[in-house]
Amino acid sequence: MIISYSIILALVAIKKSATIVSEIKRTYSILRIIPENSEQLQFLSKLYLTDDEMADFWKAPTKINETIYVMINPGFINKFDQLLGHKSIPYHIEVNDYAHCNYYCII
């Protein structure tokens, strides 16, 4: 009985360790987006107002040709790329791995 309990505890510990490691490997990306027309700006504004775990806009999109920085949660970069591509919104990946970034990464 004690051996079975020990094995269960060991398996739980291994699973938690694997989860922690997978969380560490998840990287957040920072995108620089510049809306070029009112349609793109309106689309980005709707995304901004959507309370979604996919993206964190660092400021509200308010003007055409004004830079917007967006942090994309891990696992959503492809979906976000598709959304922007659907509206022909160009973007640049400023930072591939925000965890290894410092203040000067995007200035």
PDB file of N, CA and C in Angstrom:
ATOM      1  N   MET A   1       0.826  -1.196   0.000  1.00  0.00           N
ATOM      2  CA  MET A   1       0.000   0.000   0.000  1.00  0.00           C
ATOM      3  C   MET A   1       0.869   1.258   0.000  1.00  0.00           C
ATOM      4  N   ILE A   2       1.906   1.258   0.828  1.00  0.00           N
ATOM      5  CA  ILE A   2       2.806   2.411   0.888  1.00  0.00           C
ATOM      6  C   ILE A   2       3.535   2.580  -0.440  1.00  0.00           C
ATOM      7  N   ILE A   3       3.917   1.474  -1.063  1.00  0.00           N
ATOM      8  CA  ILE A   3       4.610   1.535  -2.348  1.00  0.00           C
ATOM      9  C   ILE A   3       3.687   2.119  -3.417  1.00  0.00           C
ATOM     10  N   SER A   4       2.420   1.710  -3.433  1.00  0.00           N
ATOM     11  CA  SER A   4       1.454   2.230  -4.410  1.00  0.00           C
ATOM     12  C   SER A   4       1.262   3.730  -4.226  1.00  0.00           C
ATOM     13  N   TYR A   5       1.151   4.169  -2.986  1.00  0.00           N
ATOM     14  CA  TYR A   5       0.986   5.584  -2.683  1.00  0.00           C
ATOM     15  C   TYR A   5       2.220   6.365  -3.134  1.00  0.00           C
ATOM     16  N   SER A   6       3.391   5.818  -2.909  1.00  0.00           N
ATOM     17  CA  SER A   6       4.638   6.465  -3.325  1.00  0.00           C
ATOM     18  C   SER A   6       4.717   6.590  -4.840  1.00  0.00           C
ATOM     19  N   ILE A   7       4.280   5.562  -5.537  1.00  0.00           N
ATOM     20  CA  ILE A   7       4.288   5.591  -7.002  1.00  0.00           C
ATOM     21  C   ILE A   7       3.335   6.659  -7.513  1.00  0.00           C
ATOM     22  N   ILE A   8       2.159   6.754  -6.908  1.00  0.00           N
ATOM     23  CA  ILE A   8       1.179   7.767  -7.317  1.00  0.00           C
ATOM     24  C   ILE A   8       1.743   9.163  -7.088  1.00  0.00           C
ATOM     25  N   LEU A   9       2.354   9.386  -5.933  1.00  0.00           N
ATOM     26  CA  LEU A   9       2.953  10.694  -5.652  1.00  0.00           C
ATOM     27  C   LEU A   9       4.062  11.017  -6.650  1.00  0.00           C
ATOM     28  N   ALA A  10       4.859  10.023  -6.990  1.00  0.00           N
ATOM     29  CA  ALA A  10       5.940  10.228  -7.958  1.00  0.00           C
ATOM     30  C   ALA A  10       5.378  10.592  -9.328  1.00  0.00           C
ATOM     31  N   LEU A  11       4.308   9.926  -9.750  1.00  0.00           N
ATOM     32  CA  LEU A  11       3.691  10.227 -11.041  1.00  0.00           C
ATOM     33  C   LEU A  11       3.096  11.635 -11.067  1.00  0.00           C
ATOM     34  N   VAL A  12       2.462  12.029  -9.973  1.00  0.00           N
ATOM     35  CA  VAL A  12       1.909  13.382  -9.876  1.00  0.00           C
ATOM     36  C   VAL A  12       3.032  14.408  -9.962  1.00  0.00           C
ATOM     37  N   ALA A  13       4.134  14.162  -9.268  1.00  0.00           N
ATOM     38  CA  ALA A  13       5.277  15.079  -9.297  1.00  0.00           C
ATOM     39  C   ALA A  13       5.859  15.186 -10.700  1.00  0.00           C
ATOM     40  N   ILE A  14       5.961  14.073 -11.398  1.00  0.00           N
ATOM     41  CA  ILE A  14       6.489  14.081 -12.764  1.00  0.00           C
ATOM     42  C   ILE A  14       5.573  14.879 -13.687  1.00  0.00           C
ATOM     43  N   LYS A  15       4.261  14.687 -13.541  1.00  0.00           N
ATOM     44  CA  LYS A  15       3.310  15.414 -14.384  1.00  0.00           C
ATOM     45  C   LYS A  15       3.399  16.914 -14.128  1.00  0.00           C
ATOM     46  N   LYS A  16       3.493  17.303 -12.849  1.00  0.00           N
ATOM     47  CA  LYS A  16       3.603  18.726 -12.528  1.00  0.00           C
ATOM     48  C   LYS A  16       4.896  19.301 -13.088  1.00  0.00           C
ATOM     49  N   SER A  17       5.977  18.551 -12.995  1.00  0.00           N
ATOM     50  CA  SER A  17       7.258  19.010 -13.541  1.00  0.00           C
ATOM     51  C   SER A  17       7.164  19.194 -15.046  1.00  0.00           C
ATOM     52  N   ALA A  18       6.527  18.267 -15.724  1.00  0.00           N
ATOM     53  CA  ALA A  18       6.367  18.368 -17.178  1.00  0.00           C
ATOM     54  C   ALA A  18       5.532  19.586 -17.541  1.00  0.00           C
ATOM     55  N   THR A  19       4.499  19.866 -16.752  1.00  0.00           N
ATOM     56  CA  THR A  19       3.660  21.032 -16.997  1.00  0.00           C
ATOM     57  C   THR A  19       4.463  22.308 -16.812  1.00  0.00           C
ATOM     58  N   ILE A  20       5.256  22.374 -15.766  1.00  0.00           N
ATOM     59  CA  ILE A  20       6.080  23.554 -15.516  1.00  0.00           C
ATOM     60  C   ILE A  20       7.067  23.758 -16.652  1.00  0.00           C
ATOM     61  N   VAL A  21       7.706  22.703 -17.104  1.00  0.00           N
ATOM     62  CA  VAL A  21       8.660  22.806 -18.208  1.00  0.00           C
ATOM     63  C   VAL A  21       7.965  23.281 -19.474  1.00  0.00           C
ATOM     64  N   SER A  22       6.776  22.750 -19.764  1.00  0.00           N
ATOM     65  CA  SER A  22       6.074  23.177 -20.975  1.00  0.00           C
ATOM     66  C   SER A  22       5.645  24.635 -20.864  1.00  0.00           C
ATOM     67  N   GLU A  23       5.302  25.103 -19.668  1.00  0.00           N
ATOM     68  CA  GLU A  23       4.955  26.505 -19.476  1.00  0.00           C
ATOM     69  C   GLU A  23       6.171  27.392 -19.718  1.00  0.00           C
ATOM     70  N   ILE A  24       7.334  26.953 -19.266  1.00  0.00           N
ATOM     71  CA  ILE A  24       8.549  27.732 -19.443  1.00  0.00           C
ATOM     72  C   ILE A  24       8.891  27.856 -20.921  1.00  0.00           C
ATOM     73  N   LYS A  25       8.677  26.808 -21.698  1.00  0.00           N
ATOM     74  CA  LYS A  25       9.025  26.807 -23.114  1.00  0.00           C
ATOM     75  C   LYS A  25       8.060  27.639 -23.952  1.00  0.00           C
ATOM     76  N   ARG A  26       6.916  27.989 -23.395  1.00  0.00           N
ATOM     77  CA  ARG A  26       5.956  28.791 -24.133  1.00  0.00           C
ATOM     78  C   ARG A  26       6.499  30.208 -24.252  1.00  0.00           C
ATOM     79  N   THR A  27       6.520  30.740 -25.446  1.00  0.00           N
ATOM     80  CA  THR A  27       7.073  32.070 -25.642  1.00  0.00           C
ATOM     81  C   THR A  27       6.007  33.029 -26.155  1.00  0.00           C
ATOM     82  N   TYR A  28       6.054  34.223 -25.628  1.00  0.00           N
ATOM     83  CA  TYR A  28       5.169  35.294 -26.056  1.00  0.00           C
ATOM     84  C   TYR A  28       5.893  36.105 -27.122  1.00  0.00           C
ATOM     85  N   SER A  29       5.180  36.486 -28.161  1.00  0.00           N
ATOM     86  CA  SER A  29       5.754  37.297 -29.228  1.00  0.00           C
ATOM     87  C   SER A  29       5.184  38.703 -29.153  1.00  0.00           C
ATOM     88  N   ILE A  30       6.005  39.673 -29.529  1.00  0.00           N
ATOM     89  CA  ILE A  30       5.557  41.058 -29.611  1.00  0.00           C
ATOM     90  C   ILE A  30       5.521  41.441 -31.084  1.00  0.00           C
ATOM     91  N   LEU A  31       4.348  41.874 -31.544  1.00  0.00           N
ATOM     92  CA  LEU A  31       4.188  42.300 -32.927  1.00  0.00           C
ATOM     93  C   LEU A  31       4.086  43.813 -33.000  1.00  0.00           C
ATOM     94  N   ARG A  32       4.661  44.374 -34.050  1.00  0.00           N
ATOM     95  CA  ARG A  32       4.505  45.799 -34.352  1.00  0.00           C
ATOM     96  C   ARG A  32       3.570  45.875 -35.552  1.00  0.00           C
ATOM     97  N   ILE A  33       2.449  46.536 -35.356  1.00  0.00           N
ATOM     98  CA  ILE A  33       1.425  46.628 -36.401  1.00  0.00           C
ATOM     99  C   ILE A  33       1.161  48.101 -36.683  1.00  0.00           C
ATOM    100  N   ILE A  34       1.059  48.436 -37.958  1.00  0.00           N
ATOM    101  CA  ILE A  34       0.726  49.808 -38.344  1.00  0.00           C
ATOM    102  C   ILE A  34      -0.453  49.743 -39.315  1.00  0.00           C
ATOM    103  N   PRO A  35      -1.660  50.088 -38.836  1.00  0.00           N
ATOM    104  CA  PRO A  35      -2.821  50.059 -39.729  1.00  0.00           C
ATOM    105  C   PRO A  35      -2.671  51.114 -40.830  1.00  0.00           C
ATOM    106  N   GLU A  36      -2.949  50.695 -42.059  1.00  0.00           N
ATOM    107  CA  GLU A  36      -2.729  51.569 -43.212  1.00  0.00           C
ATOM    108  C   GLU A  36      -3.997  52.249 -43.721  1.00  0.00           C
ATOM    109  N   ASN A  37      -5.159  51.790 -43.250  1.00  0.00           N
ATOM    110  CA  ASN A  37      -6.410  52.403 -43.702  1.00  0.00           C
ATOM    111  C   ASN A  37      -7.472  52.245 -42.615  1.00  0.00           C
ATOM    112  N   SER A  38      -8.627  52.864 -42.848  1.00  0.00           N
ATOM    113  CA  SER A  38      -9.678  52.865 -41.821  1.00  0.00           C
ATOM    114  C   SER A  38     -10.251  51.469 -41.576  1.00  0.00           C
ATOM    115  N   GLU A  39     -10.313  50.641 -42.614  1.00  0.00           N
ATOM    116  CA  GLU A  39     -10.828  49.277 -42.436  1.00  0.00           C
ATOM    117  C   GLU A  39      -9.910  48.475 -41.502  1.00  0.00           C
ATOM    118  N   GLN A  40      -8.618  48.582 -41.714  1.00  0.00           N
ATOM    119  CA  GLN A  40      -7.660  47.882 -40.854  1.00  0.00           C
ATOM    120  C   GLN A  40      -7.725  48.418 -39.426  1.00  0.00           C
ATOM    121  N   LEU A  41      -7.816  49.736 -39.292  1.00  0.00           N
ATOM    122  CA  LEU A  41      -7.903  50.345 -37.964  1.00  0.00           C
ATOM    123  C   LEU A  41      -9.159  49.881 -37.233  1.00  0.00           C
ATOM    124  N   GLN A  42     -10.276  49.846 -37.930  1.00  0.00           N
ATOM    125  CA  GLN A  42     -11.533  49.399 -37.322  1.00  0.00           C
ATOM    126  C   GLN A  42     -11.433  47.937 -36.884  1.00  0.00           C
ATOM    127  N   PHE A  43     -10.840  47.094 -37.724  1.00  0.00           N
ATOM    128  CA  PHE A  43     -10.677  45.681 -37.386  1.00  0.00           C
ATOM    129  C   PHE A  43      -9.799  45.522 -36.142  1.00  0.00           C
ATOM    130  N   LEU A  44      -8.678  46.242 -36.096  1.00  0.00           N
ATOM    131  CA  LEU A  44      -7.786  46.167 -34.935  1.00  0.00           C
ATOM    132  C   LEU A  44      -8.473  46.698 -33.675  1.00  0.00           C
ATOM    133  N   SER A  45      -9.291  47.737 -33.837  1.00  0.00           N
ATOM    134  CA  SER A  45     -10.037  48.272 -32.692  1.00  0.00           C
ATOM    135  C   SER A  45     -11.006  47.241 -32.134  1.00  0.00           C
ATOM    136  N   LYS A  46     -11.654  46.492 -33.015  1.00  0.00           N
ATOM    137  CA  LYS A  46     -12.560  45.431 -32.560  1.00  0.00           C
ATOM    138  C   LYS A  46     -11.790  44.340 -31.821  1.00  0.00           C
ATOM    139  N   LEU A  47     -10.626  43.972 -32.355  1.00  0.00           N
ATOM    140  CA  LEU A  47      -9.796  42.980 -31.656  1.00  0.00           C
ATOM    141  C   LEU A  47      -9.373  43.501 -30.287  1.00  0.00           C
ATOM    142  N   TYR A  48      -9.029  44.775 -30.230  1.00  0.00           N
ATOM    143  CA  TYR A  48      -8.614  45.393 -28.969  1.00  0.00           C
ATOM    144  C   TYR A  48      -9.737  45.329 -27.929  1.00  0.00           C
ATOM    145  N   LEU A  49     -10.947  45.593 -28.356  1.00  0.00           N
ATOM    146  CA  LEU A  49     -12.090  45.619 -27.437  1.00  0.00           C
ATOM    147  C   LEU A  49     -12.560  44.229 -27.032  1.00  0.00           C
ATOM    148  N   THR A  50     -12.150  43.220 -27.780  1.00  0.00           N
ATOM    149  CA  THR A  50     -12.508  41.848 -27.455  1.00  0.00           C
ATOM    150  C   THR A  50     -11.651  41.381 -26.291  1.00  0.00           C
ATOM    151  N   ASP A  51     -12.293  40.975 -25.220  1.00  0.00           N
ATOM    152  CA  ASP A  51     -11.552  40.455 -24.067  1.00  0.00           C
ATOM    153  C   ASP A  51     -11.144  39.028 -24.393  1.00  0.00           C
ATOM    154  N   ASP A  52      -9.993  38.892 -24.979  1.00  0.00           N
ATOM    155  CA  ASP A  52      -9.537  37.605 -25.484  1.00  0.00           C
ATOM    156  C   ASP A  52      -8.163  37.298 -24.914  1.00  0.00           C
ATOM    157  N   GLU A  53      -7.903  36.039 -24.690  1.00  0.00           N
ATOM    158  CA  GLU A  53      -6.599  35.627 -24.183  1.00  0.00           C
ATOM    159  C   GLU A  53      -5.552  35.573 -25.287  1.00  0.00           C
ATOM    160  N   MET A  54      -5.972  35.765 -26.521  1.00  0.00           N
ATOM    161  CA  MET A  54      -5.059  35.624 -27.644  1.00  0.00           C
ATOM    162  C   MET A  54      -4.027  36.750 -27.691  1.00  0.00           C
ATOM    163  N   ALA A  55      -4.463  37.980 -27.477  1.00  0.00           N
ATOM    164  CA  ALA A  55      -3.583  39.123 -27.686  1.00  0.00           C
ATOM    165  C   ALA A  55      -3.768  40.177 -26.607  1.00  0.00           C
ATOM    166  N   ASP A  56      -2.663  40.847 -26.299  1.00  0.00           N
ATOM    167  CA  ASP A  56      -2.675  41.952 -25.342  1.00  0.00           C
ATOM    168  C   ASP A  56      -2.163  43.193 -26.062  1.00  0.00           C
ATOM    169  N   PHE A  57      -3.085  44.077 -26.415  1.00  0.00           N
ATOM    170  CA  PHE A  57      -2.703  45.329 -27.059  1.00  0.00           C
ATOM    171  C   PHE A  57      -2.121  46.252 -25.999  1.00  0.00           C
ATOM    172  N   TRP A  58      -0.957  46.817 -26.268  1.00  0.00           N
ATOM    173  CA  TRP A  58      -0.311  47.675 -25.283  1.00  0.00           C
ATOM    174  C   TRP A  58      -0.904  49.069 -25.266  1.00  0.00           C
ATOM    175  N   LYS A  59      -1.648  49.418 -26.305  1.00  0.00           N
ATOM    176  CA  LYS A  59      -2.453  50.641 -26.320  1.00  0.00           C
ATOM    177  C   LYS A  59      -3.529  50.463 -27.371  1.00  0.00           C
ATOM    178  N   ALA A  60      -4.548  51.244 -27.254  1.00  0.00           N
ATOM    179  CA  ALA A  60      -5.677  51.125 -28.176  1.00  0.00           C
ATOM    180  C   ALA A  60      -5.288  51.617 -29.565  1.00  0.00           C
ATOM    181  N   PRO A  61      -5.728  50.910 -30.599  1.00  0.00           N
ATOM    182  CA  PRO A  61      -5.521  51.398 -31.965  1.00  0.00           C
ATOM    183  C   PRO A  61      -6.437  52.600 -32.197  1.00  0.00           C
ATOM    184  N   THR A  62      -5.853  53.765 -32.460  1.00  0.00           N
ATOM    185  CA  THR A  62      -6.671  54.974 -32.591  1.00  0.00           C
ATOM    186  C   THR A  62      -6.433  55.754 -33.874  1.00  0.00           C
ATOM    187  N   LYS A  63      -5.279  55.536 -34.526  1.00  0.00           N
ATOM    188  CA  LYS A  63      -4.964  56.330 -35.716  1.00  0.00           C
ATOM    189  C   LYS A  63      -4.369  55.462 -36.819  1.00  0.00           C
ATOM    190  N   ILE A  64      -4.682  55.830 -38.039  1.00  0.00           N
ATOM    191  CA  ILE A  64      -4.051  55.194 -39.194  1.00  0.00           C
ATOM    192  C   ILE A  64      -2.575  55.589 -39.203  1.00  0.00           C
ATOM    193  N   ASN A  65      -1.720  54.669 -39.594  1.00  0.00           N
ATOM    194  CA  ASN A  65      -0.264  54.860 -39.667  1.00  0.00           C
ATOM    195  C   ASN A  65       0.392  55.109 -38.309  1.00  0.00           C
ATOM    196  N   GLU A  66      -0.257  54.709 -37.242  1.00  0.00           N
ATOM    197  CA  GLU A  66       0.331  54.814 -35.904  1.00  0.00           C
ATOM    198  C   GLU A  66       0.684  53.409 -35.418  1.00  0.00           C
ATOM    199  N   THR A  67       1.891  53.268 -34.872  1.00  0.00           N
ATOM    200  CA  THR A  67       2.381  51.963 -34.435  1.00  0.00           C
ATOM    201  C   THR A  67       1.607  51.448 -33.232  1.00  0.00           C
ATOM    202  N   ILE A  68       1.275  50.162 -33.300  1.00  0.00           N
ATOM    203  CA  ILE A  68       0.600  49.463 -32.206  1.00  0.00           C
ATOM    204  C   ILE A  68       1.448  48.239 -31.878  1.00  0.00           C
ATOM    205  N   TYR A  69       1.723  48.051 -30.599  1.00  0.00           N
ATOM    206  CA  TYR A  69       2.432  46.845 -30.161  1.00  0.00           C
ATOM    207  C   TYR A  69       1.430  45.893 -29.528  1.00  0.00           C
ATOM    208  N   VAL A  70       1.533  44.631 -29.906  1.00  0.00           N
ATOM    209  CA  VAL A  70       0.607  43.616 -29.410  1.00  0.00           C
ATOM    210  C   VAL A  70       1.416  42.409 -28.956  1.00  0.00           C
ATOM    211  N   MET A  71       1.157  41.963 -27.722  1.00  0.00           N
ATOM    212  CA  MET A  71       1.795  40.747 -27.232  1.00  0.00           C
ATOM    213  C   MET A  71       0.843  39.585 -27.506  1.00  0.00           C
ATOM    214  N   ILE A  72       1.363  38.579 -28.208  1.00  0.00           N
ATOM    215  CA  ILE A  72       0.556  37.427 -28.599  1.00  0.00           C
ATOM    216  C   ILE A  72       0.873  36.261 -27.677  1.00  0.00           C
ATOM    217  N   ASN A  73      -0.164  35.698 -27.098  1.00  0.00           N
ATOM    218  CA  ASN A  73       0.010  34.546 -26.217  1.00  0.00           C
ATOM    219  C   ASN A  73       0.504  33.335 -27.004  1.00  0.00           C
ATOM    220  N   PRO A  74       1.261  32.473 -26.343  1.00  0.00           N
ATOM    221  CA  PRO A  74       1.776  31.272 -27.009  1.00  0.00           C
ATOM    222  C   PRO A  74       0.637  30.436 -27.603  1.00  0.00           C
ATOM    223  N   GLY A  75       0.896  29.906 -28.752  1.00  0.00           N
ATOM    224  CA  GLY A  75      -0.098  29.058 -29.395  1.00  0.00           C
ATOM    225  C   GLY A  75      -1.087  29.804 -30.265  1.00  0.00           C
ATOM    226  N   PHE A  76      -1.069  31.139 -30.209  1.00  0.00           N
ATOM    227  CA  PHE A  76      -2.031  31.920 -30.986  1.00  0.00           C
ATOM    228  C   PHE A  76      -1.395  32.684 -32.136  1.00  0.00           C
ATOM    229  N   ILE A  77      -0.081  32.588 -32.306  1.00  0.00           N
ATOM    230  CA  ILE A  77       0.580  33.377 -33.349  1.00  0.00           C
ATOM    231  C   ILE A  77       0.048  33.019 -34.736  1.00  0.00           C
ATOM    232  N   ASN A  78      -0.194  31.749 -34.993  1.00  0.00           N
ATOM    233  CA  ASN A  78      -0.721  31.350 -36.311  1.00  0.00           C
ATOM    234  C   ASN A  78      -2.137  31.876 -36.533  1.00  0.00           C
ATOM    235  N   LYS A  79      -2.964  31.794 -35.510  1.00  0.00           N
ATOM    236  CA  LYS A  79      -4.339  32.300 -35.620  1.00  0.00           C
ATOM    237  C   LYS A  79      -4.330  33.812 -35.834  1.00  0.00           C
ATOM    238  N   PHE A  80      -3.482  34.513 -35.084  1.00  0.00           N
ATOM    239  CA  PHE A  80      -3.407  35.964 -35.218  1.00  0.00           C
ATOM    240  C   PHE A  80      -2.882  36.340 -36.603  1.00  0.00           C
ATOM    241  N   ASP A  81      -1.905  35.584 -37.090  1.00  0.00           N
ATOM    242  CA  ASP A  81      -1.371  35.797 -38.438  1.00  0.00           C
ATOM    243  C   ASP A  81      -2.482  35.651 -39.479  1.00  0.00           C
ATOM    244  N   GLN A  82      -3.333  34.649 -39.316  1.00  0.00           N
ATOM    245  CA  GLN A  82      -4.449  34.439 -40.246  1.00  0.00           C
ATOM    246  C   GLN A  82      -5.446  35.598 -40.185  1.00  0.00           C
ATOM    247  N   LEU A  83      -5.738  36.062 -38.968  1.00  0.00           N
ATOM    248  CA  LEU A  83      -6.667  37.185 -38.822  1.00  0.00           C
ATOM    249  C   LEU A  83      -6.128  38.431 -39.516  1.00  0.00           C
ATOM    250  N   LEU A  84      -4.859  38.732 -39.286  1.00  0.00           N
ATOM    251  CA  LEU A  84      -4.263  39.908 -39.919  1.00  0.00           C
ATOM    252  C   LEU A  84      -4.166  39.724 -41.433  1.00  0.00           C
ATOM    253  N   GLY A  85      -3.811  38.532 -41.865  1.00  0.00           N
ATOM    254  CA  GLY A  85      -3.715  38.250 -43.295  1.00  0.00           C
ATOM    255  C   GLY A  85      -5.046  38.391 -44.007  1.00  0.00           C
ATOM    256  N   HIS A  86      -6.115  37.998 -43.331  1.00  0.00           N
ATOM    257  CA  HIS A  86      -7.463  38.100 -43.907  1.00  0.00           C
ATOM    258  C   HIS A  86      -7.813  39.551 -44.230  1.00  0.00           C
ATOM    259  N   LYS A  87      -7.293  40.478 -43.439  1.00  0.00           N
ATOM    260  CA  LYS A  87      -7.555  41.908 -43.649  1.00  0.00           C
ATOM    261  C   LYS A  87      -6.369  42.618 -44.302  1.00  0.00           C
ATOM    262  N   SER A  88      -5.380  41.845 -44.759  1.00  0.00           N
ATOM    263  CA  SER A  88      -4.167  42.391 -45.406  1.00  0.00           C
ATOM    264  C   SER A  88      -3.454  43.407 -44.523  1.00  0.00           C
ATOM    265  N   ILE A  89      -3.370  43.098 -43.243  1.00  0.00           N
ATOM    266  CA  ILE A  89      -2.701  43.985 -42.293  1.00  0.00           C
ATOM    267  C   ILE A  89      -1.261  43.503 -42.122  1.00  0.00           C
ATOM    268  N   PRO A  90      -0.299  44.310 -42.561  1.00  0.00           N
ATOM    269  CA  PRO A  90       1.097  43.904 -42.400  1.00  0.00           C
ATOM    270  C   PRO A  90       1.540  44.061 -40.946  1.00  0.00           C
ATOM    271  N   TYR A  91       2.488  43.227 -40.553  1.00  0.00           N
ATOM    272  CA  TYR A  91       3.037  43.329 -39.207  1.00  0.00           C
ATOM    273  C   TYR A  91       4.478  42.850 -39.224  1.00  0.00           C
ATOM    274  N   HIS A  92       5.169  43.186 -38.169  1.00  0.00           N
ATOM    275  CA  HIS A  92       6.555  42.744 -38.003  1.00  0.00           C
ATOM    276  C   HIS A  92       6.683  42.124 -36.616  1.00  0.00           C
ATOM    277  N   ILE A  93       7.331  40.965 -36.534  1.00  0.00           N
ATOM    278  CA  ILE A  93       7.587  40.368 -35.220  1.00  0.00           C
ATOM    279  C   ILE A  93       8.784  41.095 -34.622  1.00  0.00           C
ATOM    280  N   GLU A  94       8.507  41.943 -33.647  1.00  0.00           N
ATOM    281  CA  GLU A  94       9.547  42.730 -32.985  1.00  0.00           C
ATOM    282  C   GLU A  94      10.372  41.859 -32.051  1.00  0.00           C
ATOM    283  N   VAL A  95       9.681  40.997 -31.294  1.00  0.00           N
ATOM    284  CA  VAL A  95      10.340  40.145 -30.300  1.00  0.00           C
ATOM    285  C   VAL A  95       9.743  38.749 -30.413  1.00  0.00           C
ATOM    286  N   ASN A  96      10.593  37.763 -30.646  1.00  0.00           N
ATOM    287  CA  ASN A  96      10.126  36.378 -30.736  1.00  0.00           C
ATOM    288  C   ASN A  96       9.871  35.757 -29.375  1.00  0.00           C
ATOM    289  N   ASP A  97      10.643  36.154 -28.385  1.00  0.00           N
ATOM    290  CA  ASP A  97      10.552  35.541 -27.059  1.00  0.00           C
ATOM    291  C   ASP A  97      10.627  36.626 -25.995  1.00  0.00           C
ATOM    292  N   TYR A  98       9.461  37.089 -25.572  1.00  0.00           N
ATOM    293  CA  TYR A  98       9.384  38.199 -24.625  1.00  0.00           C
ATOM    294  C   TYR A  98      10.066  37.891 -23.297  1.00  0.00           C
ATOM    295  N   ALA A  99      10.121  36.634 -22.912  1.00  0.00           N
ATOM    296  CA  ALA A  99      10.756  36.255 -21.647  1.00  0.00           C
ATOM    297  C   ALA A  99      12.241  36.604 -21.641  1.00  0.00           C
ATOM    298  N   HIS A 100      12.859  36.635 -22.809  1.00  0.00           N
ATOM    299  CA  HIS A 100      14.280  36.959 -22.897  1.00  0.00           C
ATOM    300  C   HIS A 100      14.509  38.392 -23.360  1.00  0.00           C
ATOM    301  N   CYS A 101      13.496  39.190 -23.260  1.00  0.00           N
ATOM    302  CA  CYS A 101      13.566  40.578 -23.697  1.00  0.00           C
ATOM    303  C   CYS A 101      13.803  41.479 -22.489  1.00  0.00           C
ATOM    304  N   ASN A 102      14.318  42.658 -22.751  1.00  0.00           N
ATOM    305  CA  ASN A 102      14.408  43.666 -21.701  1.00  0.00           C
ATOM    306  C   ASN A 102      13.809  44.959 -22.232  1.00  0.00           C
ATOM    307  N   TYR A 103      13.920  46.001 -21.476  1.00  0.00           N
ATOM    308  CA  TYR A 103      13.311  47.285 -21.822  1.00  0.00           C
ATOM    309  C   TYR A 103      13.723  47.766 -23.207  1.00  0.00           C
ATOM    310  N   TYR A 104      14.941  47.504 -23.596  1.00  0.00           N
ATOM    311  CA  TYR A 104      15.464  48.035 -24.850  1.00  0.00           C
ATOM    312  C   TYR A 104      15.102  47.203 -26.071  1.00  0.00           C
ATOM    313  N   CYS A 105      14.412  46.115 -25.903  1.00  0.00           N
ATOM    314  CA  CYS A 105      14.062  45.253 -27.039  1.00  0.00           C
ATOM    315  C   CYS A 105      13.213  45.966 -28.080  1.00  0.00           C
ATOM    316  N   ILE A 106      12.309  46.816 -27.651  1.00  0.00           N
ATOM    317  CA  ILE A 106      11.373  47.408 -28.611  1.00  0.00           C
ATOM    318  C   ILE A 106      11.459  48.921 -28.682  1.00  0.00           C
ATOM    319  N   ILE A 107      12.457  49.488 -28.063  1.00  0.00           N
ATOM    320  CA  ILE A 107      12.587  50.952 -28.112  1.00  0.00           C
ATOM    321  C   ILE A 107      13.483  51.341 -29.257  1.00  0.00           C
TER     322      ILE A 107
END
